[in-house]
Amino acid sequence: MIRVFVYGTLKPGESQYVLCADRVISSQSAIAHASLYHLQLGYPAIVPGNGRTYGYLLTFQNAEILEILDDYEQHDSTEIEPFGSGNDYQRQEIEVFDLNQISLGKAWAYVMTQEQVDRLKGVLTPSGIWQKNRPQ
């Protein structure tokens, strides 16, 4: 099983959920310990560490989904240097939690460094909830 934490356009109900909807075998509300930013480009990014980001833990049957999501998130898994020139996001495993802060274990997530977010003029979203055109 492949587990992915999504917090932006790939969430159920958001514009790009269609990329993975037919492959999802389970979906659960979840929290990541990460700061959420709204980028001027119109989509979000998280920086692991402090803060809370609310999203969904999606479970998939096999690893093929990672190729689809890597392509969408512009992550090149063959890039030697994390956040190299071919990568917008770095895919890394992070711990996720249910809404009661009970660990759900590790899941893949697409993250950025604070430097990347700053360069892209990211605006902190204190609520930890991202919605297109309505950062909160």
N, C-alpha and C. Protein backbone atom coordinates (compact mmCIF):
# COMPACT_ATOMS: atom_id res chain seq x y z
N MET A 1 0.84 -1.19 0.00
CA MET A 1 0.00 0.00 0.00
C MET A 1 0.88 1.25 0.00
N ILE A 2 0.43 2.24 -0.71
CA ILE A 2 1.12 3.53 -0.78
C ILE A 2 0.22 4.57 -0.13
N ARG A 3 0.78 5.33 0.79
CA ARG A 3 0.01 6.36 1.49
C ARG A 3 0.61 7.72 1.18
N VAL A 4 -0.27 8.67 0.86
CA VAL A 4 0.16 10.02 0.48
C VAL A 4 -0.68 11.03 1.25
N PHE A 5 -0.01 11.99 1.88
CA PHE A 5 -0.70 13.10 2.54
C PHE A 5 -0.85 14.22 1.53
N VAL A 6 -2.10 14.64 1.28
CA VAL A 6 -2.38 15.74 0.35
C VAL A 6 -3.04 16.88 1.11
N TYR A 7 -2.73 18.11 0.71
CA TYR A 7 -3.19 19.28 1.46
C TYR A 7 -3.63 20.43 0.56
N GLY A 8 -3.60 20.24 -0.74
CA GLY A 8 -3.92 21.33 -1.67
C GLY A 8 -4.82 20.88 -2.80
N THR A 9 -4.36 21.07 -4.02
CA THR A 9 -5.19 20.80 -5.19
C THR A 9 -5.50 19.32 -5.38
N LEU A 10 -4.80 18.42 -4.69
CA LEU A 10 -5.07 16.99 -4.80
C LEU A 10 -6.06 16.48 -3.76
N LYS A 11 -6.54 17.35 -2.87
CA LYS A 11 -7.51 16.93 -1.86
C LYS A 11 -8.84 16.58 -2.53
N PRO A 12 -9.60 15.65 -1.93
CA PRO A 12 -10.95 15.40 -2.43
C PRO A 12 -11.74 16.71 -2.49
N GLY A 13 -12.38 16.95 -3.63
CA GLY A 13 -13.15 18.17 -3.82
C GLY A 13 -12.38 19.29 -4.48
N GLU A 14 -11.06 19.17 -4.57
CA GLU A 14 -10.25 20.21 -5.22
C GLU A 14 -10.00 19.84 -6.68
N SER A 15 -9.45 20.79 -7.42
CA SER A 15 -9.39 20.71 -8.88
C SER A 15 -8.60 19.53 -9.44
N GLN A 16 -7.55 19.09 -8.78
CA GLN A 16 -6.71 18.04 -9.35
C GLN A 16 -6.90 16.67 -8.71
N TYR A 17 -7.92 16.54 -7.87
CA TYR A 17 -8.21 15.24 -7.27
C TYR A 17 -8.49 14.20 -8.36
N VAL A 18 -8.98 14.67 -9.50
CA VAL A 18 -9.30 13.76 -10.61
C VAL A 18 -8.08 12.95 -11.06
N LEU A 19 -6.87 13.47 -10.81
CA LEU A 19 -5.66 12.75 -11.21
C LEU A 19 -5.50 11.42 -10.49
N CYS A 20 -6.08 11.32 -9.30
CA CYS A 20 -5.88 10.11 -8.51
C CYS A 20 -7.17 9.48 -8.00
N ALA A 21 -8.31 10.13 -8.19
CA ALA A 21 -9.57 9.69 -7.58
C ALA A 21 -9.91 8.23 -7.86
N ASP A 22 -9.70 7.78 -9.08
CA ASP A 22 -10.08 6.41 -9.43
C ASP A 22 -9.12 5.36 -8.86
N ARG A 23 -8.03 5.79 -8.25
CA ARG A 23 -7.06 4.85 -7.67
C ARG A 23 -7.08 4.85 -6.14
N VAL A 24 -7.82 5.77 -5.54
CA VAL A 24 -7.88 5.87 -4.08
C VAL A 24 -8.68 4.70 -3.52
N ILE A 25 -8.08 3.97 -2.57
CA ILE A 25 -8.84 2.90 -1.92
C ILE A 25 -9.33 3.31 -0.54
N SER A 26 -8.73 4.35 0.04
CA SER A 26 -9.28 4.93 1.27
C SER A 26 -8.78 6.36 1.41
N SER A 27 -9.59 7.15 2.11
CA SER A 27 -9.29 8.56 2.33
C SER A 27 -9.69 8.90 3.75
N GLN A 28 -8.82 9.63 4.46
CA GLN A 28 -9.08 9.96 5.85
C GLN A 28 -8.55 11.36 6.14
N SER A 29 -9.32 12.16 6.87
CA SER A 29 -8.83 13.46 7.30
C SER A 29 -7.58 13.25 8.14
N ALA A 30 -6.60 14.14 7.95
CA ALA A 30 -5.32 13.96 8.64
C ALA A 30 -4.64 15.31 8.85
N ILE A 31 -3.64 15.29 9.72
CA ILE A 31 -2.87 16.49 10.06
C ILE A 31 -1.38 16.15 9.91
N ALA A 32 -0.64 17.10 9.38
CA ALA A 32 0.83 16.98 9.35
C ALA A 32 1.41 18.11 10.17
N HIS A 33 2.49 17.84 10.86
CA HIS A 33 3.20 18.89 11.59
C HIS A 33 4.07 19.62 10.58
N ALA A 34 3.49 20.67 10.01
CA ALA A 34 4.14 21.44 8.95
C ALA A 34 3.46 22.79 8.85
N SER A 35 4.20 23.78 8.39
CA SER A 35 3.62 25.10 8.14
C SER A 35 3.11 25.13 6.71
N LEU A 36 1.90 25.66 6.54
CA LEU A 36 1.25 25.72 5.24
C LEU A 36 1.36 27.13 4.68
N TYR A 37 1.71 27.21 3.40
CA TYR A 37 1.85 28.50 2.72
C TYR A 37 1.02 28.50 1.45
N HIS A 38 0.45 29.66 1.14
CA HIS A 38 -0.21 29.88 -0.15
C HIS A 38 0.80 30.60 -1.03
N LEU A 39 1.12 30.01 -2.17
CA LEU A 39 2.08 30.60 -3.09
C LEU A 39 1.38 31.50 -4.09
N GLN A 40 2.04 32.55 -4.52
CA GLN A 40 1.46 33.48 -5.50
C GLN A 40 1.11 32.77 -6.80
N LEU A 41 1.68 31.61 -7.03
CA LEU A 41 1.38 30.83 -8.23
C LEU A 41 -0.01 30.21 -8.18
N GLY A 42 -0.68 30.28 -7.02
CA GLY A 42 -2.05 29.79 -6.91
C GLY A 42 -2.20 28.42 -6.29
N TYR A 43 -1.14 27.90 -5.72
CA TYR A 43 -1.22 26.60 -5.06
C TYR A 43 -0.40 26.65 -3.78
N PRO A 44 -0.53 25.62 -2.92
CA PRO A 44 0.12 25.66 -1.62
C PRO A 44 1.44 24.90 -1.58
N ALA A 45 2.13 25.08 -0.48
CA ALA A 45 3.33 24.30 -0.16
C ALA A 45 3.39 24.15 1.36
N ILE A 46 4.02 23.07 1.80
CA ILE A 46 4.26 22.90 3.23
C ILE A 46 5.76 22.81 3.48
N VAL A 47 6.12 23.27 4.67
CA VAL A 47 7.49 23.14 5.17
C VAL A 47 7.38 22.31 6.45
N PRO A 48 7.90 21.08 6.46
CA PRO A 48 7.80 20.23 7.65
C PRO A 48 8.42 20.89 8.87
N GLY A 49 7.84 20.62 10.02
CA GLY A 49 8.35 21.17 11.28
C GLY A 49 7.23 21.71 12.12
N ASN A 50 7.29 23.00 12.42
CA ASN A 50 6.28 23.63 13.26
C ASN A 50 4.99 23.85 12.49
N GLY A 51 3.92 24.01 13.23
CA GLY A 51 2.63 24.29 12.61
C GLY A 51 1.82 23.03 12.38
N ARG A 52 0.60 23.25 11.93
CA ARG A 52 -0.31 22.15 11.60
C ARG A 52 -0.89 22.41 10.23
N THR A 53 -0.89 21.39 9.41
CA THR A 53 -1.53 21.45 8.11
C THR A 53 -2.59 20.37 8.07
N TYR A 54 -3.81 20.76 7.72
CA TYR A 54 -4.93 19.83 7.62
C TYR A 54 -5.08 19.38 6.18
N GLY A 55 -5.24 18.09 6.00
CA GLY A 55 -5.41 17.55 4.66
C GLY A 55 -6.03 16.17 4.73
N TYR A 56 -5.63 15.32 3.81
CA TYR A 56 -6.16 13.97 3.73
C TYR A 56 -5.03 12.97 3.55
N LEU A 57 -5.19 11.83 4.18
CA LEU A 57 -4.30 10.70 3.97
C LEU A 57 -5.00 9.80 2.96
N LEU A 58 -4.42 9.73 1.76
CA LEU A 58 -4.97 8.89 0.71
C LEU A 58 -4.15 7.61 0.63
N THR A 59 -4.85 6.49 0.47
CA THR A 59 -4.18 5.20 0.34
C THR A 59 -4.44 4.64 -1.04
N PHE A 60 -3.38 4.11 -1.64
CA PHE A 60 -3.43 3.56 -3.00
C PHE A 60 -2.92 2.13 -2.98
N GLN A 61 -3.34 1.35 -3.96
CA GLN A 61 -2.96 -0.06 -4.04
C GLN A 61 -1.48 -0.26 -4.37
N ASN A 62 -0.95 0.54 -5.32
CA ASN A 62 0.43 0.29 -5.74
C ASN A 62 1.17 1.58 -6.04
N ALA A 63 2.46 1.43 -6.25
CA ALA A 63 3.36 2.58 -6.39
C ALA A 63 3.23 3.33 -7.71
N GLU A 64 2.47 2.83 -8.66
CA GLU A 64 2.28 3.54 -9.93
C GLU A 64 1.76 4.96 -9.70
N ILE A 65 0.99 5.13 -8.65
CA ILE A 65 0.42 6.46 -8.38
C ILE A 65 1.52 7.49 -8.14
N LEU A 66 2.65 7.06 -7.59
CA LEU A 66 3.73 8.02 -7.32
C LEU A 66 4.28 8.63 -8.61
N GLU A 67 4.32 7.86 -9.68
CA GLU A 67 4.76 8.41 -10.97
C GLU A 67 3.81 9.50 -11.45
N ILE A 68 2.51 9.25 -11.30
CA ILE A 68 1.50 10.23 -11.71
C ILE A 68 1.62 11.50 -10.87
N LEU A 69 1.71 11.32 -9.56
CA LEU A 69 1.80 12.47 -8.66
C LEU A 69 3.13 13.19 -8.80
N ASP A 70 4.22 12.45 -8.98
CA ASP A 70 5.53 13.08 -9.19
C ASP A 70 5.49 13.98 -10.43
N ASP A 71 4.87 13.49 -11.48
CA ASP A 71 4.77 14.28 -12.71
C ASP A 71 3.97 15.56 -12.46
N TYR A 72 2.84 15.42 -11.79
CA TYR A 72 2.00 16.60 -11.50
C TYR A 72 2.74 17.59 -10.60
N GLU A 73 3.40 17.10 -9.57
CA GLU A 73 4.08 17.97 -8.61
C GLU A 73 5.47 18.41 -9.09
N GLN A 74 5.83 18.01 -10.29
CA GLN A 74 7.13 18.36 -10.88
C GLN A 74 8.27 17.95 -9.96
N HIS A 75 8.19 16.69 -9.54
CA HIS A 75 9.25 16.08 -8.73
C HIS A 75 9.94 15.01 -9.56
N ASP A 76 11.22 15.13 -9.75
CA ASP A 76 12.02 14.15 -10.48
C ASP A 76 12.74 13.28 -9.47
N SER A 77 12.26 12.05 -9.33
CA SER A 77 12.84 11.16 -8.31
C SER A 77 14.26 10.72 -8.66
N THR A 78 14.71 10.97 -9.88
CA THR A 78 16.07 10.61 -10.26
C THR A 78 17.06 11.74 -10.00
N GLU A 79 16.55 12.90 -9.63
CA GLU A 79 17.42 14.06 -9.35
C GLU A 79 18.26 13.75 -8.12
N ILE A 80 19.57 13.84 -8.25
CA ILE A 80 20.48 13.52 -7.14
C ILE A 80 20.37 14.56 -6.03
N GLU A 81 20.33 15.81 -6.39
CA GLU A 81 20.25 16.90 -5.43
C GLU A 81 18.79 17.17 -5.08
N PRO A 82 18.37 16.96 -3.82
CA PRO A 82 17.00 17.31 -3.46
C PRO A 82 16.74 18.77 -3.80
N PHE A 83 15.58 19.05 -4.29
CA PHE A 83 15.19 20.40 -4.71
C PHE A 83 16.11 20.90 -5.83
N GLY A 84 16.62 19.98 -6.64
CA GLY A 84 17.44 20.36 -7.77
C GLY A 84 16.63 21.11 -8.81
N SER A 85 17.27 21.47 -9.89
CA SER A 85 16.63 22.32 -10.89
C SER A 85 15.37 21.70 -11.48
N GLY A 86 15.27 20.36 -11.46
CA GLY A 86 14.09 19.72 -12.02
C GLY A 86 12.94 19.56 -11.05
N ASN A 87 13.13 19.96 -9.81
CA ASN A 87 12.12 19.71 -8.79
C ASN A 87 11.48 20.99 -8.27
N ASP A 88 10.14 21.02 -8.31
CA ASP A 88 9.41 22.06 -7.58
C ASP A 88 9.27 21.63 -6.13
N TYR A 89 8.89 20.38 -5.94
CA TYR A 89 8.69 19.81 -4.61
C TYR A 89 9.65 18.64 -4.43
N GLN A 90 9.91 18.34 -3.17
CA GLN A 90 10.63 17.12 -2.82
C GLN A 90 9.60 16.17 -2.21
N ARG A 91 9.57 14.94 -2.68
CA ARG A 91 8.68 13.95 -2.07
C ARG A 91 9.44 13.30 -0.94
N GLN A 92 8.88 13.40 0.27
CA GLN A 92 9.52 12.76 1.42
C GLN A 92 8.46 12.17 2.33
N GLU A 93 8.88 11.22 3.14
CA GLU A 93 7.97 10.61 4.10
C GLU A 93 7.91 11.47 5.35
N ILE A 94 6.70 11.74 5.79
CA ILE A 94 6.48 12.48 7.03
C ILE A 94 5.47 11.71 7.88
N GLU A 95 5.47 11.98 9.16
CA GLU A 95 4.47 11.37 10.04
C GLU A 95 3.19 12.17 9.95
N VAL A 96 2.07 11.47 9.88
CA VAL A 96 0.76 12.13 9.86
C VAL A 96 -0.08 11.62 11.02
N PHE A 97 -1.07 12.42 11.38
CA PHE A 97 -1.88 12.17 12.57
C PHE A 97 -3.35 12.29 12.22
N ASP A 98 -4.19 11.60 13.00
CA ASP A 98 -5.63 11.81 12.82
C ASP A 98 -6.01 13.10 13.53
N LEU A 99 -7.28 13.45 13.50
CA LEU A 99 -7.72 14.73 14.06
C LEU A 99 -7.61 14.79 15.58
N ASN A 100 -7.39 13.63 16.22
CA ASN A 100 -7.16 13.58 17.67
C ASN A 100 -5.68 13.53 18.01
N GLN A 101 -4.83 13.77 17.01
CA GLN A 101 -3.37 13.77 17.16
C GLN A 101 -2.79 12.39 17.46
N ILE A 102 -3.49 11.34 17.07
CA ILE A 102 -2.97 9.98 17.19
C ILE A 102 -2.24 9.66 15.89
N SER A 103 -1.03 9.16 16.01
CA SER A 103 -0.21 8.90 14.83
C SER A 103 -0.86 7.88 13.91
N LEU A 104 -0.84 8.20 12.62
CA LEU A 104 -1.29 7.27 11.59
C LEU A 104 -0.10 6.65 10.86
N GLY A 105 1.10 6.98 11.33
CA GLY A 105 2.31 6.47 10.71
C GLY A 105 2.83 7.41 9.63
N LYS A 106 3.69 6.87 8.79
CA LYS A 106 4.35 7.67 7.76
C LYS A 106 3.55 7.65 6.46
N ALA A 107 3.68 8.75 5.73
CA ALA A 107 3.07 8.86 4.41
C ALA A 107 3.95 9.76 3.56
N TRP A 108 3.88 9.58 2.26
CA TRP A 108 4.58 10.48 1.35
C TRP A 108 3.88 11.82 1.34
N ALA A 109 4.66 12.88 1.20
CA ALA A 109 4.11 14.24 1.06
C ALA A 109 5.06 15.02 0.17
N TYR A 110 4.51 16.00 -0.51
CA TYR A 110 5.31 16.88 -1.37
C TYR A 110 5.56 18.16 -0.59
N VAL A 111 6.83 18.43 -0.32
CA VAL A 111 7.22 19.52 0.57
C VAL A 111 8.21 20.45 -0.13
N MET A 112 8.39 21.62 0.45
CA MET A 112 9.40 22.57 0.00
C MET A 112 10.25 22.98 1.19
N THR A 113 11.38 23.60 0.91
CA THR A 113 12.19 24.19 1.97
C THR A 113 11.66 25.59 2.24
N GLN A 114 12.01 26.14 3.39
CA GLN A 114 11.60 27.51 3.71
C GLN A 114 12.18 28.49 2.68
N GLU A 115 13.39 28.22 2.21
CA GLU A 115 14.02 29.09 1.21
C GLU A 115 13.22 29.12 -0.08
N GLN A 116 12.74 27.94 -0.51
CA GLN A 116 11.91 27.90 -1.72
C GLN A 116 10.63 28.69 -1.54
N VAL A 117 9.97 28.47 -0.41
CA VAL A 117 8.72 29.18 -0.13
C VAL A 117 8.95 30.68 -0.13
N ASP A 118 10.03 31.12 0.50
CA ASP A 118 10.34 32.55 0.53
C ASP A 118 10.59 33.09 -0.87
N ARG A 119 11.34 32.34 -1.67
CA ARG A 119 11.64 32.77 -3.04
C ARG A 119 10.36 32.89 -3.87
N LEU A 120 9.39 32.00 -3.60
CA LEU A 120 8.12 32.00 -4.32
C LEU A 120 7.07 32.90 -3.66
N LYS A 121 7.52 33.70 -2.69
CA LYS A 121 6.67 34.67 -2.00
C LYS A 121 5.44 34.02 -1.36
N GLY A 122 5.70 32.91 -0.66
CA GLY A 122 4.62 32.22 0.03
C GLY A 122 4.12 33.02 1.22
N VAL A 123 2.81 32.94 1.43
CA VAL A 123 2.16 33.62 2.55
C VAL A 123 1.67 32.55 3.52
N LEU A 124 2.10 32.65 4.78
CA LEU A 124 1.70 31.68 5.79
C LEU A 124 0.18 31.64 5.90
N THR A 125 -0.35 30.42 5.99
CA THR A 125 -1.78 30.19 6.16
C THR A 125 -1.98 29.68 7.58
N PRO A 126 -2.24 30.59 8.55
CA PRO A 126 -2.26 30.20 9.96
C PRO A 126 -3.28 29.12 10.31
N SER A 127 -4.41 29.07 9.59
CA SER A 127 -5.43 28.06 9.90
C SER A 127 -4.97 26.65 9.56
N GLY A 128 -3.96 26.53 8.68
CA GLY A 128 -3.50 25.22 8.26
C GLY A 128 -4.41 24.55 7.25
N ILE A 129 -5.39 25.31 6.75
CA ILE A 129 -6.35 24.78 5.77
C ILE A 129 -6.22 25.58 4.48
N TRP A 130 -5.98 24.88 3.37
CA TRP A 130 -5.84 25.57 2.09
C TRP A 130 -7.06 25.32 1.22
N GLN A 131 -7.55 26.41 0.63
CA GLN A 131 -8.61 26.33 -0.37
C GLN A 131 -8.24 27.26 -1.50
N LYS A 132 -8.41 26.81 -2.72
CA LYS A 132 -8.06 27.62 -3.89
C LYS A 132 -8.70 28.99 -3.78
N ASN A 133 -7.89 30.02 -4.00
CA ASN A 133 -8.32 31.42 -4.01
C ASN A 133 -8.82 31.92 -2.66
N ARG A 134 -8.69 31.11 -1.62
CA ARG A 134 -9.14 31.55 -0.31
C ARG A 134 -8.16 31.11 0.77
N PRO A 135 -6.92 31.57 0.73
CA PRO A 135 -6.00 31.19 1.82
C PRO A 135 -6.54 31.70 3.14
N GLN A 136 -6.42 30.88 4.18
CA GLN A 136 -6.98 31.25 5.48
C GLN A 136 -5.91 31.23 6.55
